[in-house]
Amino acid sequence: MRHVRESYVAAMAEFQAEGRGGPDDQTVIGAEIRRYGPTWHTREGFARYVRDLRAEAEADRPRPAGIVPATTLWWVEGAEYLGRLAIRHRLTPKLLDVGGHIGYDVRPSARRRGHATAMLRAALPIAAGLGIDRALITCDVDNLGSRKVIEACGGEFEDQRGVKLRFWVPTSPA
């Protein structure tokens, strides 16, 4: 676990180097960098972070308004952390507009090697197991790479809402 922790911390430093984690960063990674970043380097702090991630999947767990249960999965190769995805178990009105069921991030040094497509393909049967027949996945209008990932996994474009494109992806083979 120590080696994955070290790789994870290095990946988060890569995200920070591209501007993630600042007060204006409303992404999950941004929030986690601000909340957990100071203690990730310690075994105890990292263990607490992992426990909190696992607890987010518990349906009965109390949570703030607008926050739904979510299963977070990491994409690793050996002890190298490559990326992660979050499968939200249901949609709120806000998630229906801009967030969707599944979000994913690939660490900057591992991009453009097919990891995002593999991650999303691996997540779809898990989403199906959570009762999600079609997963809503969104991406920024200018994120051509993410759009290609979604379409490669069967995503069908529905519409654009603000700066987000919305796609529906079947979670089970037809």
C-alpha atoms as a PDB file:
ATOM      1  CA  MET A   1       0.000   0.000   0.000  1.00  0.00           C
ATOM      2  CA  ARG A   2       2.936   2.351   0.692  1.00  0.00           C
ATOM      3  CA  HIS A   3       4.032   2.294  -2.940  1.00  0.00           C
ATOM      4  CA  VAL A   4       0.528   3.020  -4.224  1.00  0.00           C
ATOM      5  CA  ARG A   5       0.298   5.851  -1.682  1.00  0.00           C
ATOM      6  CA  GLU A   6       3.575   7.307  -2.953  1.00  0.00           C
ATOM      7  CA  SER A   7       2.386   7.030  -6.561  1.00  0.00           C
ATOM      8  CA  TYR A   8      -0.976   8.565  -5.644  1.00  0.00           C
ATOM      9  CA  VAL A   9       0.682  11.522  -3.916  1.00  0.00           C
ATOM     10  CA  ALA A  10       2.934  12.008  -6.964  1.00  0.00           C
ATOM     11  CA  ALA A  11      -0.139  11.926  -9.239  1.00  0.00           C
ATOM     12  CA  MET A  12      -1.884  14.562  -7.124  1.00  0.00           C
ATOM     13  CA  ALA A  13       1.247  16.739  -7.389  1.00  0.00           C
ATOM     14  CA  GLU A  14       0.945  16.407 -11.187  1.00  0.00           C
ATOM     15  CA  PHE A  15      -2.673  17.580 -10.992  1.00  0.00           C
ATOM     16  CA  GLN A  16      -1.633  20.497  -8.790  1.00  0.00           C
ATOM     17  CA  ALA A  17       1.097  21.435 -11.280  1.00  0.00           C
ATOM     18  CA  GLU A  18      -1.611  21.873 -13.925  1.00  0.00           C
ATOM     19  CA  GLY A  19      -3.600  24.125 -11.586  1.00  0.00           C
ATOM     20  CA  ARG A  20      -5.873  21.734  -9.726  1.00  0.00           C
ATOM     21  CA  GLY A  21      -6.633  22.134  -6.026  1.00  0.00           C
ATOM     22  CA  GLY A  22      -6.961  25.903  -5.844  1.00  0.00           C
ATOM     23  CA  PRO A  23      -9.946  27.584  -4.207  1.00  0.00           C
ATOM     24  CA  ASP A  24     -11.723  27.979  -7.563  1.00  0.00           C
ATOM     25  CA  ASP A  25     -11.312  24.304  -8.533  1.00  0.00           C
ATOM     26  CA  GLN A  26     -14.774  22.783  -8.070  1.00  0.00           C
ATOM     27  CA  THR A  27     -13.713  19.296  -9.184  1.00  0.00           C
ATOM     28  CA  VAL A  28     -13.597  16.277  -6.892  1.00  0.00           C
ATOM     29  CA  ILE A  29      -9.817  16.183  -7.179  1.00  0.00           C
ATOM     30  CA  GLY A  30      -9.644  19.868  -6.279  1.00  0.00           C
ATOM     31  CA  ALA A  31     -11.743  19.352  -3.159  1.00  0.00           C
ATOM     32  CA  GLU A  32      -9.742  16.285  -2.128  1.00  0.00           C
ATOM     33  CA  ILE A  33      -6.414  18.072  -2.594  1.00  0.00           C
ATOM     34  CA  ARG A  34      -7.611  20.861  -0.311  1.00  0.00           C
ATOM     35  CA  ARG A  35      -9.091  18.521   2.307  1.00  0.00           C
ATOM     36  CA  TYR A  36      -6.694  15.573   2.380  1.00  0.00           C
ATOM     37  CA  GLY A  37      -3.557  16.801   0.615  1.00  0.00           C
ATOM     38  CA  PRO A  38      -1.743  17.897   3.776  1.00  0.00           C
ATOM     39  CA  THR A  39      -1.932  14.369   5.263  1.00  0.00           C
ATOM     40  CA  TRP A  40      -1.743  12.038   2.225  1.00  0.00           C
ATOM     41  CA  HIS A  41       1.990  11.554   2.734  1.00  0.00           C
ATOM     42  CA  THR A  42       1.406   9.910   6.148  1.00  0.00           C
ATOM     43  CA  ARG A  43       0.213   6.344   6.499  1.00  0.00           C
ATOM     44  CA  GLU A  44      -2.545   7.404   8.909  1.00  0.00           C
ATOM     45  CA  GLY A  45      -3.721  10.316   6.788  1.00  0.00           C
ATOM     46  CA  PHE A  46      -3.830   8.232   3.630  1.00  0.00           C
ATOM     47  CA  ALA A  47      -5.664   5.408   5.433  1.00  0.00           C
ATOM     48  CA  ARG A  48      -8.251   7.917   6.668  1.00  0.00           C
ATOM     49  CA  TYR A  49      -8.705   9.207   3.115  1.00  0.00           C
ATOM     50  CA  VAL A  50      -9.218   5.670   1.759  1.00  0.00           C
ATOM     51  CA  ARG A  51     -11.718   4.894   4.549  1.00  0.00           C
ATOM     52  CA  ASP A  52     -13.649   8.056   3.719  1.00  0.00           C
ATOM     53  CA  LEU A  53     -13.713   7.145   0.001  1.00  0.00           C
ATOM     54  CA  ARG A  54     -15.045   3.683   0.789  1.00  0.00           C
ATOM     55  CA  ALA A  55     -17.696   5.112   3.102  1.00  0.00           C
ATOM     56  CA  GLU A  56     -19.010   7.328   0.290  1.00  0.00           C
ATOM     57  CA  ALA A  57     -20.419   4.205  -1.370  1.00  0.00           C
ATOM     58  CA  GLU A  58     -22.578   3.326   1.639  1.00  0.00           C
ATOM     59  CA  ALA A  59     -26.191   4.128   0.816  1.00  0.00           C
ATOM     60  CA  ASP A  60     -27.221   4.660   4.469  1.00  0.00           C
ATOM     61  CA  ARG A  61     -24.392   7.027   5.336  1.00  0.00           C
ATOM     62  CA  PRO A  62     -25.478  10.571   6.242  1.00  0.00           C
ATOM     63  CA  ARG A  63     -24.234  13.084   3.690  1.00  0.00           C
ATOM     64  CA  PRO A  64     -24.754  16.738   2.825  1.00  0.00           C
ATOM     65  CA  ALA A  65     -27.732  17.708   0.683  1.00  0.00           C
ATOM     66  CA  GLY A  66     -27.097  17.117  -3.004  1.00  0.00           C
ATOM     67  CA  ILE A  67     -24.361  14.531  -2.421  1.00  0.00           C
ATOM     68  CA  VAL A  68     -25.221  10.987  -3.527  1.00  0.00           C
ATOM     69  CA  PRO A  69     -23.533   7.658  -2.764  1.00  0.00           C
ATOM     70  CA  ALA A  70     -20.554   7.101  -5.052  1.00  0.00           C
ATOM     71  CA  THR A  71     -18.174   4.218  -5.644  1.00  0.00           C
ATOM     72  CA  THR A  72     -14.605   5.341  -6.348  1.00  0.00           C
ATOM     73  CA  LEU A  73     -12.274   2.974  -8.173  1.00  0.00           C
ATOM     74  CA  TRP A  74      -8.569   3.433  -8.854  1.00  0.00           C
ATOM     75  CA  TRP A  75      -6.838   2.375 -12.034  1.00  0.00           C
ATOM     76  CA  VAL A  76      -3.381   1.056 -11.169  1.00  0.00           C
ATOM     77  CA  GLU A  77      -0.631  -0.887 -12.897  1.00  0.00           C
ATOM     78  CA  GLY A  78       1.378  -2.696 -10.255  1.00  0.00           C
ATOM     79  CA  ALA A  79       1.943  -0.004  -7.644  1.00  0.00           C
ATOM     80  CA  GLU A  80       1.572   2.877 -10.125  1.00  0.00           C
ATOM     81  CA  TYR A  81      -1.555   4.949  -9.717  1.00  0.00           C
ATOM     82  CA  LEU A  82      -2.808   5.921 -13.194  1.00  0.00           C
ATOM     83  CA  GLY A  83      -6.237   7.364 -12.542  1.00  0.00           C
ATOM     84  CA  ARG A  84      -9.606   6.980 -10.955  1.00  0.00           C
ATOM     85  CA  LEU A  85     -13.265   7.066 -11.619  1.00  0.00           C
ATOM     86  CA  ALA A  86     -16.325   7.693  -9.537  1.00  0.00           C
ATOM     87  CA  ILE A  87     -19.655   6.035 -10.179  1.00  0.00           C
ATOM     88  CA  ARG A  88     -22.495   8.041  -8.682  1.00  0.00           C
ATOM     89  CA  HIS A  89     -25.310   5.700  -7.713  1.00  0.00           C
ATOM     90  CA  ARG A  90     -28.073   8.108  -8.729  1.00  0.00           C
ATOM     91  CA  LEU A  91     -28.532  11.564 -10.186  1.00  0.00           C
ATOM     92  CA  THR A  92     -29.582  14.809  -8.578  1.00  0.00           C
ATOM     93  CA  PRO A  93     -30.926  17.629 -10.754  1.00  0.00           C
ATOM     94  CA  LYS A  94     -27.422  19.176 -10.803  1.00  0.00           C
ATOM     95  CA  LEU A  95     -25.755  15.877 -11.759  1.00  0.00           C
ATOM     96  CA  LEU A  96     -28.353  15.454 -14.494  1.00  0.00           C
ATOM     97  CA  ASP A  97     -27.200  18.771 -15.961  1.00  0.00           C
ATOM     98  CA  VAL A  98     -23.443  18.755 -15.511  1.00  0.00           C
ATOM     99  CA  GLY A  99     -22.021  15.822 -13.561  1.00  0.00           C
ATOM    100  CA  GLY A 100     -23.537  12.574 -14.717  1.00  0.00           C
ATOM    101  CA  HIS A 101     -23.187   9.086 -13.274  1.00  0.00           C
ATOM    102  CA  ILE A 102     -19.509   8.539 -14.004  1.00  0.00           C
ATOM    103  CA  GLY A 103     -16.554  10.871 -13.782  1.00  0.00           C
ATOM    104  CA  TYR A 104     -12.931   9.963 -14.409  1.00  0.00           C
ATOM    105  CA  ASP A 105      -9.459  11.468 -14.266  1.00  0.00           C
ATOM    106  CA  VAL A 106      -6.165  10.162 -15.611  1.00  0.00           C
ATOM    107  CA  ARG A 107      -2.971  11.521 -14.102  1.00  0.00           C
ATOM    108  CA  PRO A 108      -1.237  13.882 -16.524  1.00  0.00           C
ATOM    109  CA  SER A 109       1.821  11.667 -17.110  1.00  0.00           C
ATOM    110  CA  ALA A 110      -0.414   8.695 -18.069  1.00  0.00           C
ATOM    111  CA  ARG A 111      -2.709  10.431 -20.546  1.00  0.00           C
ATOM    112  CA  ARG A 112      -3.147   9.506 -24.204  1.00  0.00           C
ATOM    113  CA  ARG A 113      -2.352   5.838 -23.599  1.00  0.00           C
ATOM    114  CA  GLY A 114      -5.898   4.417 -23.583  1.00  0.00           C
ATOM    115  CA  HIS A 115      -6.383   4.360 -19.808  1.00  0.00           C
ATOM    116  CA  ALA A 116      -9.532   6.507 -19.776  1.00  0.00           C
ATOM    117  CA  THR A 117     -11.255   4.280 -22.335  1.00  0.00           C
ATOM    118  CA  ALA A 118     -10.250   1.132 -20.440  1.00  0.00           C
ATOM    119  CA  MET A 119     -11.394   2.652 -17.156  1.00  0.00           C
ATOM    120  CA  LEU A 120     -14.785   3.641 -18.515  1.00  0.00           C
ATOM    121  CA  ARG A 121     -15.316   0.245 -20.162  1.00  0.00           C
ATOM    122  CA  ALA A 122     -14.464  -1.475 -16.863  1.00  0.00           C
ATOM    123  CA  ALA A 123     -16.856   0.801 -14.953  1.00  0.00           C
ATOM    124  CA  LEU A 124     -19.937   0.145 -17.084  1.00  0.00           C
ATOM    125  CA  PRO A 125     -20.688  -3.370 -15.746  1.00  0.00           C
ATOM    126  CA  ILE A 126     -20.215  -2.050 -12.201  1.00  0.00           C
ATOM    127  CA  ALA A 127     -22.726   0.709 -12.930  1.00  0.00           C
ATOM    128  CA  ALA A 128     -25.108  -1.932 -14.306  1.00  0.00           C
ATOM    129  CA  GLY A 129     -24.716  -3.849 -11.047  1.00  0.00           C
ATOM    130  CA  LEU A 130     -25.810  -0.703  -9.202  1.00  0.00           C
ATOM    131  CA  GLY A 131     -29.035  -0.649 -11.245  1.00  0.00           C
ATOM    132  CA  ILE A 132     -27.934   2.009 -13.731  1.00  0.00           C
ATOM    133  CA  ASP A 133     -29.180   0.912 -17.185  1.00  0.00           C
ATOM    134  CA  ARG A 134     -27.782   3.886 -19.065  1.00  0.00           C
ATOM    135  CA  ALA A 135     -25.053   6.030 -17.557  1.00  0.00           C
ATOM    136  CA  LEU A 136     -25.026   9.749 -18.127  1.00  0.00           C
ATOM    137  CA  ILE A 137     -21.489  10.971 -18.759  1.00  0.00           C
ATOM    138  CA  THR A 138     -20.580  14.575 -19.377  1.00  0.00           C
ATOM    139  CA  CYS A 139     -17.481  16.358 -20.581  1.00  0.00           C
ATOM    140  CA  ASP A 140     -16.449  19.910 -21.323  1.00  0.00           C
ATOM    141  CA  VAL A 141     -17.203  21.135 -24.842  1.00  0.00           C
ATOM    142  CA  ASP A 142     -13.488  21.636 -25.523  1.00  0.00           C
ATOM    143  CA  ASN A 143     -12.365  18.247 -24.156  1.00  0.00           C
ATOM    144  CA  LEU A 144     -12.097  16.314 -27.411  1.00  0.00           C
ATOM    145  CA  GLY A 145     -10.165  13.475 -25.752  1.00  0.00           C
ATOM    146  CA  SER A 146     -12.909  12.798 -23.227  1.00  0.00           C
ATOM    147  CA  ARG A 147     -15.567  13.025 -25.932  1.00  0.00           C
ATOM    148  CA  LYS A 148     -13.712  10.366 -27.944  1.00  0.00           C
ATOM    149  CA  VAL A 149     -13.486   8.138 -24.847  1.00  0.00           C
ATOM    150  CA  ILE A 150     -17.221   8.410 -24.211  1.00  0.00           C
ATOM    151  CA  GLU A 151     -18.099   7.738 -27.847  1.00  0.00           C
ATOM    152  CA  ALA A 152     -15.671   4.775 -28.017  1.00  0.00           C
ATOM    153  CA  CYS A 153     -17.621   3.252 -25.127  1.00  0.00           C
ATOM    154  CA  GLY A 154     -20.959   3.606 -26.896  1.00  0.00           C
ATOM    155  CA  GLY A 155     -21.928   7.078 -25.742  1.00  0.00           C
ATOM    156  CA  GLU A 156     -24.755   8.710 -27.651  1.00  0.00           C
ATOM    157  CA  PHE A 157     -24.773  12.499 -27.658  1.00  0.00           C
ATOM    158  CA  GLU A 158     -27.931  14.005 -26.189  1.00  0.00           C
ATOM    159  CA  ASP A 159     -27.294  17.732 -25.878  1.00  0.00           C
ATOM    160  CA  GLN A 160     -25.130  20.565 -24.644  1.00  0.00           C
ATOM    161  CA  ARG A 161     -25.902  22.380 -21.423  1.00  0.00           C
ATOM    162  CA  GLY A 162     -23.682  25.367 -20.853  1.00  0.00           C
ATOM    163  CA  VAL A 163     -20.085  24.223 -21.299  1.00  0.00           C
ATOM    164  CA  LYS A 164     -20.983  20.530 -20.874  1.00  0.00           C
ATOM    165  CA  LEU A 165     -21.783  17.920 -23.486  1.00  0.00           C
ATOM    166  CA  ARG A 166     -24.108  15.141 -22.282  1.00  0.00           C
ATOM    167  CA  PHE A 167     -23.936  11.525 -23.455  1.00  0.00           C
ATOM    168  CA  TRP A 168     -25.868   8.380 -22.505  1.00  0.00           C
ATOM    169  CA  VAL A 169     -23.848   5.178 -22.444  1.00  0.00           C
ATOM    170  CA  PRO A 170     -25.416   1.693 -22.155  1.00  0.00           C
ATOM    171  CA  THR A 171     -24.033  -0.181 -19.175  1.00  0.00           C
ATOM    172  CA  SER A 172     -24.771  -3.645 -20.555  1.00  0.00           C
ATOM    173  CA  PRO A 173     -24.101  -5.067 -24.016  1.00  0.00           C
ATOM    174  CA  ALA A 174     -27.148  -4.922 -26.276  1.00  0.00           C
END
